[in-house]
C-alpha atoms as a PDB file:
ATOM      1  CA  UNK A   1     303.471  79.405  -8.247  1.00  0.00           C
ATOM      2  CA  UNK A   2     300.492  77.159  -7.568  1.00  0.00           C
ATOM      3  CA  UNK A   3     297.100  78.469  -6.504  1.00  0.00           C
ATOM      4  CA  UNK A   4     296.138  75.683  -4.064  1.00  0.00           C
ATOM      5  CA  UNK A   5     297.555  76.728  -0.690  1.00  0.00           C
ATOM      6  CA  UNK A   6     296.730  73.396   0.969  1.00  0.00           C
ATOM      7  CA  UNK A   7     297.184  70.546  -1.527  1.00  0.00           C
ATOM      8  CA  UNK A   8     296.463  66.961  -0.411  1.00  0.00           C
ATOM      9  CA  UNK A   9     300.035  65.884  -1.258  1.00  0.00           C
ATOM     10  CA  UNK A  10     302.365  68.508   0.163  1.00  0.00           C
ATOM     11  CA  UNK A  11     305.491  67.632  -1.829  1.00  0.00           C
ATOM     12  CA  UNK A  12     303.950  67.638  -5.305  1.00  0.00           C
ATOM     13  CA  UNK A  13     303.708  71.445  -5.677  1.00  0.00           C
ATOM     14  CA  UNK A  14     307.420  71.800  -4.863  1.00  0.00           C
ATOM     15  CA  UNK A  15     308.299  69.281  -7.575  1.00  0.00           C
ATOM     16  CA  UNK A  16     306.232  71.199 -10.109  1.00  0.00           C
ATOM     17  CA  UNK A  17     307.642  74.537  -8.932  1.00  0.00           C
ATOM     18  CA  UNK A  18     311.144  73.125  -9.450  1.00  0.00           C
ATOM     19  CA  UNK A  19     310.216  71.971 -12.955  1.00  0.00           C
ATOM     20  CA  UNK A  20     308.753  75.401 -13.773  1.00  0.00           C
ATOM     21  CA  UNK A  21     311.850  77.181 -12.466  1.00  0.00           C
ATOM     22  CA  UNK A  22     314.179  74.982 -14.508  1.00  0.00           C
ATOM     23  CA  UNK A  23     311.956  75.534 -17.542  1.00  0.00           C
ATOM     24  CA  UNK A  24     312.155  79.326 -17.096  1.00  0.00           C
ATOM     25  CA  UNK A  25     315.943  79.296 -16.584  1.00  0.00           C
ATOM     26  CA  UNK A  26     316.753  76.639 -19.165  1.00  0.00           C
ATOM     27  CA  UNK A  27     318.850  74.789 -16.601  1.00  0.00           C
ATOM     28  CA  UNK A  28     319.746  75.052 -12.924  1.00  0.00           C
ATOM     29  CA  UNK A  29     322.164  73.558 -10.421  1.00  0.00           C
ATOM     30  CA  UNK A  30     321.261  72.232  -6.976  1.00  0.00           C
ATOM     31  CA  UNK A  31     322.526  75.407  -5.210  1.00  0.00           C
ATOM     32  CA  UNK A  32     320.505  77.605  -7.597  1.00  0.00           C
ATOM     33  CA  UNK A  33     317.318  75.662  -6.884  1.00  0.00           C
ATOM     34  CA  UNK A  34     318.015  75.712  -3.133  1.00  0.00           C
ATOM     35  CA  UNK A  35     318.425  79.509  -3.280  1.00  0.00           C
ATOM     36  CA  UNK A  36     315.232  79.876  -5.316  1.00  0.00           C
ATOM     37  CA  UNK A  37     313.028  78.027  -2.834  1.00  0.00           C
ATOM     38  CA  UNK A  38     314.859  78.504   0.467  1.00  0.00           C
ATOM     39  CA  UNK A  39     314.375  74.830   1.302  1.00  0.00           C
ATOM     40  CA  UNK A  40     316.882  72.432   2.850  1.00  0.00           C
ATOM     41  CA  UNK A  41     319.487  71.209   0.404  1.00  0.00           C
ATOM     42  CA  UNK A  42     318.561  67.585   1.147  1.00  0.00           C
ATOM     43  CA  UNK A  43     314.890  68.212   0.305  1.00  0.00           C
ATOM     44  CA  UNK A  44     315.694  69.914  -2.984  1.00  0.00           C
ATOM     45  CA  UNK A  45     318.247  67.220  -3.841  1.00  0.00           C
ATOM     46  CA  UNK A  46     315.649  64.500  -3.239  1.00  0.00           C
ATOM     47  CA  UNK A  47     313.177  66.247  -5.565  1.00  0.00           C
ATOM     48  CA  UNK A  48     315.811  66.736  -8.275  1.00  0.00           C
ATOM     49  CA  UNK A  49     317.018  63.132  -7.971  1.00  0.00           C
ATOM     50  CA  UNK A  50     313.464  61.773  -8.128  1.00  0.00           C
ATOM     51  CA  UNK A  51     312.607  63.905 -11.160  1.00  0.00           C
ATOM     52  CA  UNK A  52     315.813  62.778 -12.877  1.00  0.00           C
ATOM     53  CA  UNK A  53     315.286  59.088 -12.065  1.00  0.00           C
ATOM     54  CA  UNK A  54     311.724  59.206 -13.379  1.00  0.00           C
ATOM     55  CA  UNK A  55     312.870  60.795 -16.629  1.00  0.00           C
ATOM     56  CA  UNK A  56     311.544  64.331 -16.182  1.00  0.00           C
ATOM     57  CA  UNK A  57     314.933  65.981 -15.658  1.00  0.00           C
ATOM     58  CA  UNK A  58     318.355  65.321 -17.142  1.00  0.00           C
ATOM     59  CA  UNK A  59     321.434  65.908 -14.979  1.00  0.00           C
ATOM     60  CA  UNK A  60     324.275  67.121 -17.169  1.00  0.00           C
ATOM     61  CA  UNK A  61     327.340  67.580 -15.012  1.00  0.00           C
ATOM     62  CA  UNK A  62     325.419  68.913 -12.031  1.00  0.00           C
ATOM     63  CA  UNK A  63     323.144  71.171 -14.047  1.00  0.00           C
ATOM     64  CA  UNK A  64     319.565  70.010 -14.495  1.00  0.00           C
ATOM     65  CA  UNK A  65     317.376  70.610 -17.540  1.00  0.00           C
ATOM     66  CA  UNK A  66     313.944  69.372 -18.535  1.00  0.00           C
ATOM     67  CA  UNK A  67     313.949  66.113 -20.449  1.00  0.00           C
ATOM     68  CA  UNK A  68     312.496  65.768 -23.904  1.00  0.00           C
ATOM     69  CA  UNK A  69     309.746  63.690 -22.327  1.00  0.00           C
ATOM     70  CA  UNK A  70     307.824  66.962 -22.077  1.00  0.00           C
ATOM     71  CA  UNK A  71     308.017  67.309 -25.855  1.00  0.00           C
ATOM     72  CA  UNK A  72     306.339  63.909 -26.119  1.00  0.00           C
ATOM     73  CA  UNK A  73     303.634  64.985 -23.677  1.00  0.00           C
ATOM     74  CA  UNK A  74     302.991  68.274 -25.455  1.00  0.00           C
ATOM     75  CA  UNK A  75     303.053  66.850 -28.958  1.00  0.00           C
ATOM     76  CA  UNK A  76     300.762  63.983 -28.025  1.00  0.00           C
ATOM     77  CA  UNK A  77     298.342  66.261 -26.211  1.00  0.00           C
ATOM     78  CA  UNK A  78     298.218  68.701 -29.104  1.00  0.00           C
ATOM     79  CA  UNK A  79     297.687  65.993 -31.722  1.00  0.00           C
ATOM     80  CA  UNK A  80     294.604  64.810 -29.807  1.00  0.00           C
ATOM     81  CA  UNK A  81     293.251  68.360 -29.363  1.00  0.00           C
ATOM     82  CA  UNK A  82     290.184  68.665 -31.606  1.00  0.00           C
ATOM     83  CA  UNK A  83     290.720  72.324 -32.510  1.00  0.00           C
ATOM     84  CA  UNK A  84     294.262  71.555 -33.674  1.00  0.00           C
ATOM     85  CA  UNK A  85     293.012  68.700 -35.839  1.00  0.00           C
ATOM     86  CA  UNK A  86     290.463  71.008 -37.468  1.00  0.00           C
ATOM     87  CA  UNK A  87     292.631  74.137 -37.799  1.00  0.00           C
ATOM     88  CA  UNK A  88     296.141  72.889 -38.639  1.00  0.00           C
ATOM     89  CA  UNK A  89     295.654  72.987 -42.414  1.00  0.00           C
ATOM     90  CA  UNK A  90     293.989  76.406 -42.317  1.00  0.00           C
ATOM     91  CA  UNK A  91     296.793  77.879 -40.206  1.00  0.00           C
ATOM     92  CA  UNK A  92     299.391  76.522 -42.626  1.00  0.00           C
ATOM     93  CA  UNK A  93     297.421  77.900 -45.576  1.00  0.00           C
ATOM     94  CA  UNK A  94     297.127  81.331 -43.941  1.00  0.00           C
ATOM     95  CA  UNK A  95     300.896  81.519 -43.364  1.00  0.00           C
ATOM     96  CA  UNK A  96     301.587  80.413 -46.923  1.00  0.00           C
ATOM     97  CA  UNK A  97     299.135  82.930 -48.441  1.00  0.00           C
ATOM     98  CA  UNK A  98     300.216  85.917 -46.338  1.00  0.00           C
ATOM     99  CA  UNK A  99     303.898  85.147 -45.910  1.00  0.00           C
ATOM    100  CA  UNK A 100     303.466  86.088 -42.238  1.00  0.00           C
ATOM    101  CA  UNK A 101     303.230  84.184 -38.983  1.00  0.00           C
ATOM    102  CA  UNK A 102     299.985  82.350 -38.408  1.00  0.00           C
ATOM    103  CA  UNK A 103     299.197  81.167 -34.909  1.00  0.00           C
ATOM    104  CA  UNK A 104     296.511  79.188 -33.167  1.00  0.00           C
ATOM    105  CA  UNK A 105     295.975  80.165 -29.545  1.00  0.00           C
ATOM    106  CA  UNK A 106     293.590  78.700 -27.001  1.00  0.00           C
ATOM    107  CA  UNK A 107     292.613  79.733 -23.498  1.00  0.00           C
ATOM    108  CA  UNK A 108     293.501  77.259 -20.781  1.00  0.00           C
ATOM    109  CA  UNK A 109     293.424  78.000 -17.062  1.00  0.00           C
ATOM    110  CA  UNK A 110     293.021  81.694 -17.819  1.00  0.00           C
ATOM    111  CA  UNK A 111     296.153  81.963 -19.968  1.00  0.00           C
ATOM    112  CA  UNK A 112     296.663  82.031 -23.713  1.00  0.00           C
ATOM    113  CA  UNK A 113     298.562  78.992 -24.989  1.00  0.00           C
ATOM    114  CA  UNK A 114     300.178  78.942 -28.428  1.00  0.00           C
ATOM    115  CA  UNK A 115     298.842  75.625 -29.707  1.00  0.00           C
ATOM    116  CA  UNK A 116     300.277  75.865 -33.211  1.00  0.00           C
ATOM    117  CA  UNK A 117     302.563  78.283 -35.013  1.00  0.00           C
ATOM    118  CA  UNK A 118     303.657  78.511 -38.648  1.00  0.00           C
ATOM    119  CA  UNK A 119     306.295  80.959 -39.874  1.00  0.00           C
ATOM    120  CA  UNK A 120     305.509  82.510 -43.242  1.00  0.00           C
ATOM    121  CA  UNK A 121     308.189  83.146 -45.870  1.00  0.00           C
ATOM    122  CA  UNK A 122     308.231  86.922 -45.238  1.00  0.00           C
ATOM    123  CA  UNK A 123     307.760  86.907 -41.468  1.00  0.00           C
ATOM    124  CA  UNK A 124     310.155  88.220 -38.852  1.00  0.00           C
ATOM    125  CA  UNK A 125     311.263  86.108 -35.904  1.00  0.00           C
ATOM    126  CA  UNK A 126     309.030  86.290 -32.853  1.00  0.00           C
ATOM    127  CA  UNK A 127     309.948  85.223 -29.340  1.00  0.00           C
ATOM    128  CA  UNK A 128     307.054  82.774 -29.091  1.00  0.00           C
ATOM    129  CA  UNK A 129     306.902  79.013 -29.311  1.00  0.00           C
ATOM    130  CA  UNK A 130     304.298  76.289 -29.320  1.00  0.00           C
ATOM    131  CA  UNK A 131     303.150  75.591 -25.797  1.00  0.00           C
ATOM    132  CA  UNK A 132     304.126  79.051 -24.558  1.00  0.00           C
ATOM    133  CA  UNK A 133     301.682  80.573 -22.076  1.00  0.00           C
ATOM    134  CA  UNK A 134     300.934  84.287 -22.030  1.00  0.00           C
ATOM    135  CA  UNK A 135     298.489  86.536 -20.257  1.00  0.00           C
ATOM    136  CA  UNK A 136     295.584  86.936 -22.658  1.00  0.00           C
ATOM    137  CA  UNK A 137     295.560  90.740 -22.554  1.00  0.00           C
ATOM    138  CA  UNK A 138     299.141  90.897 -23.910  1.00  0.00           C
ATOM    139  CA  UNK A 139     298.466  89.708 -27.472  1.00  0.00           C
ATOM    140  CA  UNK A 140     295.940  90.460 -30.201  1.00  0.00           C
ATOM    141  CA  UNK A 141     294.886  86.797 -30.255  1.00  0.00           C
ATOM    142  CA  UNK A 142     294.460  86.804 -26.497  1.00  0.00           C
ATOM    143  CA  UNK A 143     292.373  89.964 -26.580  1.00  0.00           C
ATOM    144  CA  UNK A 144     290.183  88.399 -29.278  1.00  0.00           C
ATOM    145  CA  UNK A 145     289.659  85.407 -26.982  1.00  0.00           C
ATOM    146  CA  UNK A 146     288.859  87.665 -24.018  1.00  0.00           C
ATOM    147  CA  UNK A 147     286.378  89.643 -26.113  1.00  0.00           C
ATOM    148  CA  UNK A 148     284.401  86.487 -26.907  1.00  0.00           C
ATOM    149  CA  UNK A 149     284.313  85.058 -23.389  1.00  0.00           C
ATOM    150  CA  UNK A 150     281.297  85.546 -21.132  1.00  0.00           C
ATOM    151  CA  UNK A 151     281.850  88.588 -18.901  1.00  0.00           C
ATOM    152  CA  UNK A 152     281.984  86.525 -15.708  1.00  0.00           C
ATOM    153  CA  UNK A 153     284.726  84.249 -17.077  1.00  0.00           C
ATOM    154  CA  UNK A 154     286.685  87.236 -18.423  1.00  0.00           C
ATOM    155  CA  UNK A 155     286.411  88.940 -15.017  1.00  0.00           C
ATOM    156  CA  UNK A 156     287.566  85.786 -13.221  1.00  0.00           C
ATOM    157  CA  UNK A 157     290.604  85.486 -15.513  1.00  0.00           C
ATOM    158  CA  UNK A 158     291.611  89.107 -14.984  1.00  0.00           C
ATOM    159  CA  UNK A 159     291.017  88.862 -11.229  1.00  0.00           C
ATOM    160  CA  UNK A 160     293.234  85.757 -11.085  1.00  0.00           C
ATOM    161  CA  UNK A 161     296.085  86.864 -13.353  1.00  0.00           C
ATOM    162  CA  UNK A 162     295.847  90.655 -13.232  1.00  0.00           C
ATOM    163  CA  UNK A 163     297.000  92.865 -16.099  1.00  0.00           C
ATOM    164  CA  UNK A 164     300.800  92.757 -15.881  1.00  0.00           C
ATOM    165  CA  UNK A 165     302.746  94.861 -18.353  1.00  0.00           C
ATOM    166  CA  UNK A 166     304.964  93.018 -20.810  1.00  0.00           C
ATOM    167  CA  UNK A 167     305.897  95.907 -23.091  1.00  0.00           C
ATOM    168  CA  UNK A 168     305.335  99.651 -22.958  1.00  0.00           C
ATOM    169  CA  UNK A 169     302.232  99.116 -25.132  1.00  0.00           C
ATOM    170  CA  UNK A 170     300.608  96.452 -22.953  1.00  0.00           C
ATOM    171  CA  UNK A 171     297.271  97.579 -21.584  1.00  0.00           C
ATOM    172  CA  UNK A 172     297.456  97.418 -17.789  1.00  0.00           C
ATOM    173  CA  UNK A 173     294.334  99.436 -16.997  1.00  0.00           C
ATOM    174  CA  UNK A 174     291.056  97.508 -16.702  1.00  0.00           C
ATOM    175  CA  UNK A 175     288.846 100.306 -18.058  1.00  0.00           C
ATOM    176  CA  UNK A 176     291.088 100.744 -21.088  1.00  0.00           C
ATOM    177  CA  UNK A 177     291.111  96.994 -21.746  1.00  0.00           C
ATOM    178  CA  UNK A 178     287.312  96.883 -21.514  1.00  0.00           C
ATOM    179  CA  UNK A 179     287.119  99.690 -24.094  1.00  0.00           C
ATOM    180  CA  UNK A 180     289.413  97.845 -26.488  1.00  0.00           C
ATOM    181  CA  UNK A 181     287.535  94.578 -26.127  1.00  0.00           C
END
């Protein structure tokens, strides 16, 4: 899951991989995490216990979930993000005027991150949430971001993340994406 193949602290990537896996699943038991990473049960247990004792995981009857501490991190980070401070009112106004969803997305580490989302009165439910990361080529907002990036940064993002398909309409061909951008 992590790009650095030789990190200075060898155990940290496993802790973050465990957190990411539990985030993706919603919750996971010790045996499920052991199976996911093919690591000794004692090693995985130590990571889970450490993450729980430090307040990053909650153990509910043997099933681990992320703690709400991450909500504090995300909310605090977003509130200090300059673009959010500038755009929040405009995004709310757009949703109110159109009755549709209005979203604010930013590029971070080559992915699109939903920084802010407002549901308009007439909008349908979408399977997105604030903080959600997506490949930029999979959404209109992400493609707009890609179109405005310098070519070398756009190329680096696509080289790093590829063009995975999410739906039958997702562009997975580089030449076709370049045409659309």
